Amino acid sequence: MPWFDRPGVAAVSQFAVEPDVQGLGIGSALLARVEELARADGVVELSLNTAEPARHLVAYYEKRGYRLVDHTDATMPNYRSVILSKCLER
């Protein structure tokens, strides 16, 4: 995927929080820590992909500063994915 191949761009693989402990800030804390580690490594953009139909996940990432940068068919034929990215430079 061309976006992930850009200089200064790192990618987060999928992660999840057990349903019975969702809403406690665990996912947000994990993502914040990954962003902190990426900044320390000199990463300029932190990117990820998620299923386009999973609007709740897209909204979750957008609320945390991620923006839509591209689409991918990597998971076809099941669904199209969106690529979201966040600028980590301050």
Protein backbone atom coordinates (compact mmCIF):
# COMPACT_ATOMS: atom_id res chain seq x y z
CA MET A 1 0.00 0.00 0.00
CA PRO A 2 1.68 3.20 -1.16
CA TRP A 3 0.71 5.32 1.88
CA PHE A 4 2.49 2.94 4.25
CA ASP A 5 5.62 3.01 2.09
CA ARG A 6 6.13 6.77 2.46
CA PRO A 7 9.19 7.99 4.39
CA GLY A 8 8.40 8.80 8.02
CA VAL A 9 5.16 6.77 8.04
CA ALA A 10 4.74 3.91 10.50
CA ALA A 11 1.76 1.59 10.77
CA VAL A 12 -0.21 0.20 13.69
CA SER A 13 -1.56 -3.30 13.24
CA GLN A 14 -4.98 -4.22 14.49
CA PHE A 15 -5.63 -4.41 18.19
CA ALA A 16 -8.76 -4.95 20.24
CA VAL A 17 -10.03 -4.69 23.79
CA GLU A 18 -12.13 -7.45 25.31
CA PRO A 19 -15.81 -6.47 25.09
CA ASP A 20 -16.41 -6.72 28.85
CA VAL A 21 -13.77 -4.04 29.55
CA GLN A 22 -14.40 -1.72 26.62
CA GLY A 23 -15.18 1.87 27.52
CA LEU A 24 -12.61 1.97 30.33
CA GLY A 25 -9.97 3.82 28.30
CA ILE A 26 -7.74 0.81 27.68
CA GLY A 27 -7.75 1.21 23.88
CA SER A 28 -7.11 4.94 24.12
CA ALA A 29 -4.23 4.36 26.54
CA LEU A 30 -2.70 1.74 24.24
CA LEU A 31 -2.99 4.00 21.21
CA ALA A 32 -1.53 6.97 23.12
CA ARG A 33 1.45 4.83 24.16
CA VAL A 34 2.05 3.66 20.59
CA GLU A 35 1.94 7.29 19.43
CA GLU A 36 4.42 8.26 22.17
CA LEU A 37 6.82 5.48 21.16
CA ALA A 38 6.47 6.37 17.47
CA ARG A 39 7.30 10.03 18.19
CA ALA A 40 10.37 8.95 20.14
CA ASP A 41 11.47 6.95 17.09
CA GLY A 42 11.09 10.00 14.83
CA VAL A 43 7.93 8.86 13.08
CA VAL A 44 6.14 11.72 11.31
CA GLU A 45 2.83 9.95 10.55
CA LEU A 46 1.20 7.03 12.32
CA SER A 47 -1.21 5.14 10.11
CA LEU A 48 -3.60 2.22 10.34
CA ASN A 49 -6.38 0.62 8.39
CA THR A 50 -9.80 -0.56 9.42
CA ALA A 51 -12.92 -1.84 7.71
CA GLU A 52 -14.82 0.92 5.93
CA PRO A 53 -18.20 -0.47 7.09
CA ALA A 54 -17.06 -0.26 10.75
CA ARG A 55 -18.18 3.35 11.14
CA HIS A 56 -17.80 3.20 14.93
CA LEU A 57 -14.09 2.37 14.54
CA VAL A 58 -13.54 5.08 11.93
CA ALA A 59 -15.23 7.58 14.27
CA TYR A 60 -13.08 6.33 17.19
CA TYR A 61 -9.86 7.04 15.29
CA GLU A 62 -11.10 10.34 13.85
CA LYS A 63 -11.93 11.52 17.38
CA ARG A 64 -8.27 10.87 18.24
CA GLY A 65 -6.93 12.98 15.38
CA TYR A 66 -6.67 10.44 12.58
CA ARG A 67 -7.84 11.44 9.10
CA LEU A 68 -8.84 9.47 6.04
CA VAL A 69 -5.95 9.37 3.54
CA ASP A 70 -6.79 6.46 1.25
CA HIS A 71 -8.77 3.28 0.67
CA THR A 72 -7.52 -0.23 0.08
CA ASP A 73 -8.98 -3.43 -1.24
CA ALA A 74 -6.49 -5.57 0.67
CA THR A 75 -9.28 -7.47 2.40
CA MET A 76 -11.43 -7.99 -0.69
CA PRO A 77 -13.77 -9.65 -1.42
CA ASN A 78 -15.19 -9.18 2.08
CA TYR A 79 -15.04 -5.39 2.43
CA ARG A 80 -13.04 -2.31 1.53
CA SER A 81 -10.78 -0.75 4.16
CA VAL A 82 -9.93 2.85 4.90
CA ILE A 83 -6.43 4.05 5.66
CA LEU A 84 -6.31 6.61 8.44
CA SER A 85 -3.25 8.60 9.46
CA LYS A 86 -2.26 11.05 12.17
CA CYS A 87 0.53 13.62 11.97
CA LEU A 88 2.75 13.20 15.02
CA GLU A 89 4.88 16.31 14.56
CA ARG A 90 4.24 18.98 17.13
